[in-house]
Amino acid sequence: MAMDGERRARIEAIVGHTFSDPALLEAAVTHPSYACEHDGCPGYDRLEFLGDAVLGFIVSDALYVSLPDAPEGELTRRKHHAVSGEALAEVAEHLDLGAFVSLGRGAESAGERLRSSILENVMEALIGALYLDGGLDAARDFAVRALESRYAAAAAPEKDPKSALQQYTQGKLSALPEYRIREVSGPPHQRVFTADVYVLGRVLGSGAGATKQAAEKAAAAAALSALLVDDARGASDA
């Protein structure tokens, strides 16, 4: 099924590129569940694979050039901060890319449109499509515009709260955190998401933010803070 002109124009405005081959753009926003329901319709899997590699090179190259004196550890930390799944999902959510994804009926009814992994995959697939259609410059223009603020901050980013919480709970509780969006409020142009983070079935923290990712990050920070306070109390009582 060919993408309609208005939808294509809106995505092209977001990525800043007019596609010579619109089929590449359509594939980049087609979830495998939709492809399975429409024989002969390619999904984004292959483009995601390519886009992941292209994005890694673009960010590594930009960091190497812009920070000539930075040690390898700092470059690696900045790169991870920019291209992690969480970062890509957050950027995709900010750009409202989820609204353009073609989902299968089951995935749509299950509310998969804003799932973090899908948003991450679409970002990578779009970069792969841009690379194939417009070369490295087209892919670089979009990637740098979307992600530069994440890797070019004055200070090297520290570990994000979700990664820090996962490391803590795996090491001390042998469990992974689980995030659930409890509430979505506000008008469409000014949404506020409220998230809870559970570990072993218990709510450890809650947080709010303008995006699902921001809310989860706030919840993780609250949980981590509470856990560290408990650790400190336990140490003082010992």
C-alpha atoms as a PDB file:
ATOM      1  CA  MET A   1       0.000   0.000   0.000  1.00  0.00           C
ATOM      2  CA  ALA A   2       1.565   3.284  -1.122  1.00  0.00           C
ATOM      3  CA  MET A   3       1.962   6.081   1.412  1.00  0.00           C
ATOM      4  CA  ASP A   4      -0.313   9.059   0.754  1.00  0.00           C
ATOM      5  CA  GLY A   5       1.301  12.339  -0.231  1.00  0.00           C
ATOM      6  CA  GLU A   6       0.305  14.306   2.861  1.00  0.00           C
ATOM      7  CA  ARG A   7       1.715  11.728   5.264  1.00  0.00           C
ATOM      8  CA  ARG A   8       4.935  11.483   3.268  1.00  0.00           C
ATOM      9  CA  ALA A   9       5.311  15.278   3.196  1.00  0.00           C
ATOM     10  CA  ARG A  10       4.889  15.510   6.970  1.00  0.00           C
ATOM     11  CA  ILE A  11       7.587  12.914   7.639  1.00  0.00           C
ATOM     12  CA  GLU A  12       9.909  14.491   5.068  1.00  0.00           C
ATOM     13  CA  ALA A  13       9.474  17.840   6.843  1.00  0.00           C
ATOM     14  CA  ILE A  14      10.542  16.216  10.112  1.00  0.00           C
ATOM     15  CA  VAL A  15      13.645  14.530   8.677  1.00  0.00           C
ATOM     16  CA  GLY A  16      14.497  17.426   6.363  1.00  0.00           C
ATOM     17  CA  HIS A  17      14.782  15.379   3.168  1.00  0.00           C
ATOM     18  CA  THR A  18      12.603  14.766   0.101  1.00  0.00           C
ATOM     19  CA  PHE A  19      12.865  11.120  -0.884  1.00  0.00           C
ATOM     20  CA  SER A  20      13.642  10.181  -4.463  1.00  0.00           C
ATOM     21  CA  ASP A  21      12.437   6.681  -3.605  1.00  0.00           C
ATOM     22  CA  PRO A  22       9.317   7.023  -1.407  1.00  0.00           C
ATOM     23  CA  ALA A  23       9.259   3.244  -0.922  1.00  0.00           C
ATOM     24  CA  LEU A  24      12.295   3.568   1.350  1.00  0.00           C
ATOM     25  CA  LEU A  25      10.478   6.045   3.563  1.00  0.00           C
ATOM     26  CA  GLU A  26       7.378   3.871   3.665  1.00  0.00           C
ATOM     27  CA  ALA A  27       9.400   0.816   4.678  1.00  0.00           C
ATOM     28  CA  ALA A  28      11.141   2.798   7.422  1.00  0.00           C
ATOM     29  CA  VAL A  29       7.843   3.429   9.220  1.00  0.00           C
ATOM     30  CA  THR A  30       6.294  -0.019   8.623  1.00  0.00           C
ATOM     31  CA  HIS A  31       6.263  -2.300  11.658  1.00  0.00           C
ATOM     32  CA  PRO A  32       6.827  -6.033  10.989  1.00  0.00           C
ATOM     33  CA  SER A  33       3.301  -6.761  12.273  1.00  0.00           C
ATOM     34  CA  TYR A  34       1.856  -4.630   9.454  1.00  0.00           C
ATOM     35  CA  ALA A  35       4.183  -6.203   6.895  1.00  0.00           C
ATOM     36  CA  CYS A  36       2.984  -9.669   7.957  1.00  0.00           C
ATOM     37  CA  GLU A  37      -0.617  -8.659   7.304  1.00  0.00           C
ATOM     38  CA  HIS A  38       0.176  -7.216   3.874  1.00  0.00           C
ATOM     39  CA  ASP A  39       2.061  -9.646   1.647  1.00  0.00           C
ATOM     40  CA  GLY A  40       4.889  -8.044  -0.264  1.00  0.00           C
ATOM     41  CA  CYS A  41       4.998  -5.010   2.037  1.00  0.00           C
ATOM     42  CA  PRO A  42       8.516  -4.641   3.502  1.00  0.00           C
ATOM     43  CA  GLY A  43       8.956  -3.764   7.158  1.00  0.00           C
ATOM     44  CA  TYR A  44      11.684  -1.704   8.758  1.00  0.00           C
ATOM     45  CA  ASP A  45      13.921  -4.544  10.029  1.00  0.00           C
ATOM     46  CA  ARG A  46      16.621  -4.336   7.347  1.00  0.00           C
ATOM     47  CA  LEU A  47      16.687  -0.535   7.370  1.00  0.00           C
ATOM     48  CA  GLU A  48      16.957  -0.586  11.167  1.00  0.00           C
ATOM     49  CA  PHE A  49      20.005  -2.850  10.915  1.00  0.00           C
ATOM     50  CA  LEU A  50      21.671  -0.474   8.458  1.00  0.00           C
ATOM     51  CA  GLY A  51      20.642   2.672  10.305  1.00  0.00           C
ATOM     52  CA  ASP A  52      22.133   1.424  13.571  1.00  0.00           C
ATOM     53  CA  ALA A  53      25.557   1.106  11.920  1.00  0.00           C
ATOM     54  CA  VAL A  54      25.287   4.414  10.058  1.00  0.00           C
ATOM     55  CA  LEU A  55      24.203   6.261  13.205  1.00  0.00           C
ATOM     56  CA  GLY A  56      27.070   4.798  15.208  1.00  0.00           C
ATOM     57  CA  PHE A  57      29.556   6.033  12.612  1.00  0.00           C
ATOM     58  CA  ILE A  58      27.980   9.512  12.359  1.00  0.00           C
ATOM     59  CA  VAL A  59      28.064  10.128  16.104  1.00  0.00           C
ATOM     60  CA  SER A  60      31.545   8.623  16.520  1.00  0.00           C
ATOM     61  CA  ASP A  61      32.888  10.787  13.690  1.00  0.00           C
ATOM     62  CA  ALA A  62      31.249  13.939  15.065  1.00  0.00           C
ATOM     63  CA  LEU A  63      32.646  13.318  18.539  1.00  0.00           C
ATOM     64  CA  TYR A  64      36.139  12.512  17.263  1.00  0.00           C
ATOM     65  CA  VAL A  65      36.277  15.749  15.257  1.00  0.00           C
ATOM     66  CA  SER A  66      34.603  18.072  17.779  1.00  0.00           C
ATOM     67  CA  LEU A  67      36.486  16.799  20.859  1.00  0.00           C
ATOM     68  CA  PRO A  68      40.102  16.302  19.730  1.00  0.00           C
ATOM     69  CA  ASP A  69      41.454  16.100  23.288  1.00  0.00           C
ATOM     70  CA  ALA A  70      38.778  13.873  24.831  1.00  0.00           C
ATOM     71  CA  PRO A  71      39.914  10.413  25.995  1.00  0.00           C
ATOM     72  CA  GLU A  72      38.324   7.270  24.601  1.00  0.00           C
ATOM     73  CA  GLY A  73      36.236   6.737  27.740  1.00  0.00           C
ATOM     74  CA  GLU A  74      34.547  10.107  27.454  1.00  0.00           C
ATOM     75  CA  LEU A  75      33.883   9.636  23.735  1.00  0.00           C
ATOM     76  CA  THR A  76      32.307   6.257  24.435  1.00  0.00           C
ATOM     77  CA  ARG A  77      30.141   7.672  27.231  1.00  0.00           C
ATOM     78  CA  ARG A  78      28.918  10.519  25.046  1.00  0.00           C
ATOM     79  CA  LYS A  79      28.196   8.187  22.143  1.00  0.00           C
ATOM     80  CA  HIS A  80      26.188   5.822  24.328  1.00  0.00           C
ATOM     81  CA  HIS A  81      24.240   8.743  25.761  1.00  0.00           C
ATOM     82  CA  ALA A  82      23.244   9.783  22.231  1.00  0.00           C
ATOM     83  CA  VAL A  83      22.504   6.446  20.550  1.00  0.00           C
ATOM     84  CA  SER A  84      21.141   4.284  23.367  1.00  0.00           C
ATOM     85  CA  GLY A  85      17.698   2.825  22.813  1.00  0.00           C
ATOM     86  CA  GLU A  86      16.260   5.100  25.471  1.00  0.00           C
ATOM     87  CA  ALA A  87      17.766   8.198  23.841  1.00  0.00           C
ATOM     88  CA  LEU A  88      16.478   7.300  20.382  1.00  0.00           C
ATOM     89  CA  ALA A  89      13.012   6.524  21.729  1.00  0.00           C
ATOM     90  CA  GLU A  90      12.924   9.841  23.567  1.00  0.00           C
ATOM     91  CA  VAL A  91      13.892  11.780  20.431  1.00  0.00           C
ATOM     92  CA  ALA A  92      11.386   9.847  18.300  1.00  0.00           C
ATOM     93  CA  GLU A  93       8.658  10.587  20.828  1.00  0.00           C
ATOM     94  CA  HIS A  94       9.577  14.285  20.820  1.00  0.00           C
ATOM     95  CA  LEU A  95       9.364  14.306  17.000  1.00  0.00           C
ATOM     96  CA  ASP A  96       6.019  12.435  17.174  1.00  0.00           C
ATOM     97  CA  LEU A  97       7.305   9.718  14.849  1.00  0.00           C
ATOM     98  CA  GLY A  98       5.040   7.155  16.482  1.00  0.00           C
ATOM     99  CA  ALA A  99       2.046   8.800  14.818  1.00  0.00           C
ATOM    100  CA  PHE A 100       3.365   7.742  11.386  1.00  0.00           C
ATOM    101  CA  VAL A 101       4.114   4.068  12.101  1.00  0.00           C
ATOM    102  CA  SER A 102       2.019   1.494  10.231  1.00  0.00           C
ATOM    103  CA  LEU A 103       1.074  -1.193  12.762  1.00  0.00           C
ATOM    104  CA  GLY A 104      -0.711  -4.503  12.401  1.00  0.00           C
ATOM    105  CA  ARG A 105      -4.182  -4.761  13.890  1.00  0.00           C
ATOM    106  CA  GLY A 106      -3.031  -6.716  16.943  1.00  0.00           C
ATOM    107  CA  ALA A 107      -0.139  -4.382  17.739  1.00  0.00           C
ATOM    108  CA  GLU A 108      -2.380  -1.344  17.279  1.00  0.00           C
ATOM    109  CA  SER A 109      -5.077  -2.656  19.619  1.00  0.00           C
ATOM    110  CA  ALA A 110      -2.411  -3.537  22.208  1.00  0.00           C
ATOM    111  CA  GLY A 111      -1.258   0.102  22.286  1.00  0.00           C
ATOM    112  CA  GLU A 112       2.175  -0.592  20.842  1.00  0.00           C
ATOM    113  CA  ARG A 113       2.442   2.727  19.000  1.00  0.00           C
ATOM    114  CA  LEU A 114       4.398   4.476  21.766  1.00  0.00           C
ATOM    115  CA  ARG A 115       6.399   1.439  22.821  1.00  0.00           C
ATOM    116  CA  SER A 116      10.018   2.477  23.349  1.00  0.00           C
ATOM    117  CA  SER A 117      11.510  -0.309  21.235  1.00  0.00           C
ATOM    118  CA  ILE A 118       9.324   0.608  18.250  1.00  0.00           C
ATOM    119  CA  LEU A 119      10.253   4.289  18.490  1.00  0.00           C
ATOM    120  CA  GLU A 120      13.940   3.371  18.692  1.00  0.00           C
ATOM    121  CA  ASN A 121      13.652   1.065  15.682  1.00  0.00           C
ATOM    122  CA  VAL A 122      11.891   3.702  13.580  1.00  0.00           C
ATOM    123  CA  MET A 123      14.614   6.262  14.311  1.00  0.00           C
ATOM    124  CA  GLU A 124      17.303   3.830  13.156  1.00  0.00           C
ATOM    125  CA  ALA A 125      15.269   2.747  10.126  1.00  0.00           C
ATOM    126  CA  LEU A 126      14.747   6.353   9.048  1.00  0.00           C
ATOM    127  CA  ILE A 127      18.483   7.000   9.244  1.00  0.00           C
ATOM    128  CA  GLY A 128      19.066   3.870   7.149  1.00  0.00           C
ATOM    129  CA  ALA A 129      16.510   5.058   4.600  1.00  0.00           C
ATOM    130  CA  LEU A 130      18.057   8.528   4.475  1.00  0.00           C
ATOM    131  CA  TYR A 131      21.489   6.989   3.888  1.00  0.00           C
ATOM    132  CA  LEU A 132      20.250   4.884   0.980  1.00  0.00           C
ATOM    133  CA  ASP A 133      18.234   7.675  -0.608  1.00  0.00           C
ATOM    134  CA  GLY A 134      20.440  10.709  -0.032  1.00  0.00           C
ATOM    135  CA  GLY A 135      23.816   9.369   1.031  1.00  0.00           C
ATOM    136  CA  LEU A 136      25.751   9.989   4.223  1.00  0.00           C
ATOM    137  CA  ASP A 137      25.096  13.744   4.164  1.00  0.00           C
ATOM    138  CA  ALA A 138      21.308  13.288   4.325  1.00  0.00           C
ATOM    139  CA  ALA A 139      21.603  10.801   7.181  1.00  0.00           C
ATOM    140  CA  ARG A 140      24.127  12.991   8.990  1.00  0.00           C
ATOM    141  CA  ASP A 141      22.009  16.155   8.706  1.00  0.00           C
ATOM    142  CA  PHE A 142      19.034  14.496  10.396  1.00  0.00           C
ATOM    143  CA  ALA A 143      21.033  12.572  13.009  1.00  0.00           C
ATOM    144  CA  VAL A 144      23.081  15.582  14.085  1.00  0.00           C
ATOM    145  CA  ARG A 145      20.045  17.852  14.242  1.00  0.00           C
ATOM    146  CA  ALA A 146      18.120  15.303  16.306  1.00  0.00           C
ATOM    147  CA  LEU A 147      20.889  14.116  18.624  1.00  0.00           C
ATOM    148  CA  GLU A 148      23.625  16.763  18.839  1.00  0.00           C
ATOM    149  CA  SER A 149      22.330  18.209  22.107  1.00  0.00           C
ATOM    150  CA  ARG A 150      22.758  14.773  23.695  1.00  0.00           C
ATOM    151  CA  TYR A 151      26.410  14.221  22.791  1.00  0.00           C
ATOM    152  CA  ALA A 152      27.758  17.791  22.576  1.00  0.00           C
ATOM    153  CA  ALA A 153      26.923  19.040  26.078  1.00  0.00           C
ATOM    154  CA  ALA A 154      29.636  20.994  27.873  1.00  0.00           C
ATOM    155  CA  ALA A 155      30.043  18.218  30.441  1.00  0.00           C
ATOM    156  CA  ALA A 156      30.298  14.547  29.648  1.00  0.00           C
ATOM    157  CA  PRO A 157      26.989  12.906  30.599  1.00  0.00           C
ATOM    158  CA  GLU A 158      26.953  10.610  33.580  1.00  0.00           C
ATOM    159  CA  LYS A 159      25.065   7.339  33.663  1.00  0.00           C
ATOM    160  CA  ASP A 160      21.336   7.984  33.180  1.00  0.00           C
ATOM    161  CA  PRO A 161      18.959   7.115  36.061  1.00  0.00           C
ATOM    162  CA  LYS A 162      17.350   4.143  34.292  1.00  0.00           C
ATOM    163  CA  SER A 163      20.718   2.511  33.610  1.00  0.00           C
ATOM    164  CA  ALA A 164      21.893   3.234  37.162  1.00  0.00           C
ATOM    165  CA  LEU A 165      18.710   1.790  38.671  1.00  0.00           C
ATOM    166  CA  GLN A 166      18.937  -1.342  36.526  1.00  0.00           C
ATOM    167  CA  GLN A 167      22.550  -1.870  37.565  1.00  0.00           C
ATOM    168  CA  TYR A 168      21.589  -1.452  41.237  1.00  0.00           C
ATOM    169  CA  THR A 169      18.576  -3.782  41.186  1.00  0.00           C
ATOM    170  CA  GLN A 170      20.383  -6.462  39.177  1.00  0.00           C
ATOM    171  CA  GLY A 171      23.350  -6.398  41.535  1.00  0.00           C
ATOM    172  CA  LYS A 172      21.523  -6.189  44.867  1.00  0.00           C
ATOM    173  CA  LEU A 173      18.063  -7.617  44.198  1.00  0.00           C
ATOM    174  CA  SER A 174      18.654  -9.898  41.186  1.00  0.00           C
ATOM    175  CA  ALA A 175      15.669  -8.251  39.502  1.00  0.00           C
ATOM    176  CA  LEU A 176      14.951  -5.824  36.680  1.00  0.00           C
ATOM    177  CA  PRO A 177      12.868  -2.658  37.026  1.00  0.00           C
ATOM    178  CA  GLU A 178       9.526  -2.518  35.221  1.00  0.00           C
ATOM    179  CA  TYR A 179       7.992   0.793  34.114  1.00  0.00           C
ATOM    180  CA  ARG A 180       4.272   1.478  33.796  1.00  0.00           C
ATOM    181  CA  ILE A 181       2.564   4.666  32.670  1.00  0.00           C
ATOM    182  CA  ARG A 182      -0.096   5.312  35.304  1.00  0.00           C
ATOM    183  CA  GLU A 183      -1.650   8.489  33.939  1.00  0.00           C
ATOM    184  CA  VAL A 184      -1.635  10.740  30.885  1.00  0.00           C
ATOM    185  CA  SER A 185      -3.070  14.215  31.413  1.00  0.00           C
ATOM    186  CA  GLY A 186      -3.173  17.600  29.722  1.00  0.00           C
ATOM    187  CA  PRO A 187      -4.154  18.695  26.199  1.00  0.00           C
ATOM    188  CA  PRO A 188      -2.656  16.892  23.162  1.00  0.00           C
ATOM    189  CA  HIS A 189      -0.008  19.585  22.630  1.00  0.00           C
ATOM    190  CA  GLN A 190       1.047  19.607  26.293  1.00  0.00           C
ATOM    191  CA  ARG A 191       0.831  16.055  27.598  1.00  0.00           C
ATOM    192  CA  VAL A 192       2.053  15.111  31.071  1.00  0.00           C
ATOM    193  CA  PHE A 193       2.930  11.454  31.637  1.00  0.00           C
ATOM    194  CA  THR A 194       3.130   9.910  35.105  1.00  0.00           C
ATOM    195  CA  ALA A 195       5.156   6.711  35.463  1.00  0.00           C
ATOM    196  CA  ASP A 196       5.727   4.203  38.257  1.00  0.00           C
ATOM    197  CA  VAL A 197       8.703   1.888  38.445  1.00  0.00           C
ATOM    198  CA  TYR A 198       8.239  -1.542  39.985  1.00  0.00           C
ATOM    199  CA  VAL A 199      10.829  -3.962  41.288  1.00  0.00           C
ATOM    200  CA  LEU A 200       9.698  -7.387  42.463  1.00  0.00           C
ATOM    201  CA  GLY A 201       6.086  -6.214  42.267  1.00  0.00           C
ATOM    202  CA  ARG A 202       6.588  -3.184  44.516  1.00  0.00           C
ATOM    203  CA  VAL A 203       6.462   0.482  43.467  1.00  0.00           C
ATOM    204  CA  LEU A 204       9.853   2.003  44.241  1.00  0.00           C
ATOM    205  CA  GLY A 205       9.414   5.408  42.630  1.00  0.00           C
ATOM    206  CA  SER A 206       7.156   7.648  40.588  1.00  0.00           C
ATOM    207  CA  GLY A 207       7.833  10.553  38.268  1.00  0.00           C
ATOM    208  CA  ALA A 208       6.243  12.842  35.705  1.00  0.00           C
ATOM    209  CA  GLY A 209       7.436  14.354  32.451  1.00  0.00           C
ATOM    210  CA  ALA A 210       6.438  15.784  29.089  1.00  0.00           C
ATOM    211  CA  THR A 211       7.231  12.454  27.396  1.00  0.00           C
ATOM    212  CA  LYS A 212       6.905   8.816  28.393  1.00  0.00           C
ATOM    213  CA  GLN A 213      10.693   8.513  28.461  1.00  0.00           C
ATOM    214  CA  ALA A 214      11.097  11.598  30.669  1.00  0.00           C
ATOM    215  CA  ALA A 215       8.498  10.272  33.118  1.00  0.00           C
ATOM    216  CA  GLU A 216      10.241   6.896  33.338  1.00  0.00           C
ATOM    217  CA  LYS A 217      13.581   8.619  33.894  1.00  0.00           C
ATOM    218  CA  ALA A 218      12.107  10.718  36.706  1.00  0.00           C
ATOM    219  CA  ALA A 219      10.605   7.604  38.292  1.00  0.00           C
ATOM    220  CA  ALA A 220      13.971   5.825  38.088  1.00  0.00           C
ATOM    221  CA  ALA A 221      15.738   8.768  39.727  1.00  0.00           C
ATOM    222  CA  ALA A 222      13.184   8.794  42.564  1.00  0.00           C
ATOM    223  CA  ALA A 223      13.533   5.029  43.073  1.00  0.00           C
ATOM    224  CA  LEU A 224      17.320   5.166  43.060  1.00  0.00           C
ATOM    225  CA  SER A 225      17.308   8.020  45.568  1.00  0.00           C
ATOM    226  CA  ALA A 226      15.001   6.081  47.901  1.00  0.00           C
ATOM    227  CA  LEU A 227      17.124   2.936  47.643  1.00  0.00           C
ATOM    228  CA  LEU A 228      20.331   4.834  48.405  1.00  0.00           C
ATOM    229  CA  VAL A 229      18.689   6.485  51.430  1.00  0.00           C
ATOM    230  CA  ASP A 230      17.639   3.038  52.692  1.00  0.00           C
ATOM    231  CA  ASP A 231      21.210   1.797  52.196  1.00  0.00           C
ATOM    232  CA  ALA A 232      22.572   4.729  54.175  1.00  0.00           C
ATOM    233  CA  ARG A 233      20.106   4.108  57.020  1.00  0.00           C
ATOM    234  CA  GLY A 234      20.979   0.444  57.071  1.00  0.00           C
ATOM    235  CA  ALA A 235      24.677   1.235  57.250  1.00  0.00           C
ATOM    236  CA  SER A 236      24.179   3.679  60.144  1.00  0.00           C
ATOM    237  CA  ASP A 237      22.101   1.145  62.085  1.00  0.00           C
ATOM    238  CA  ALA A 238      24.686  -1.584  61.657  1.00  0.00           C
END
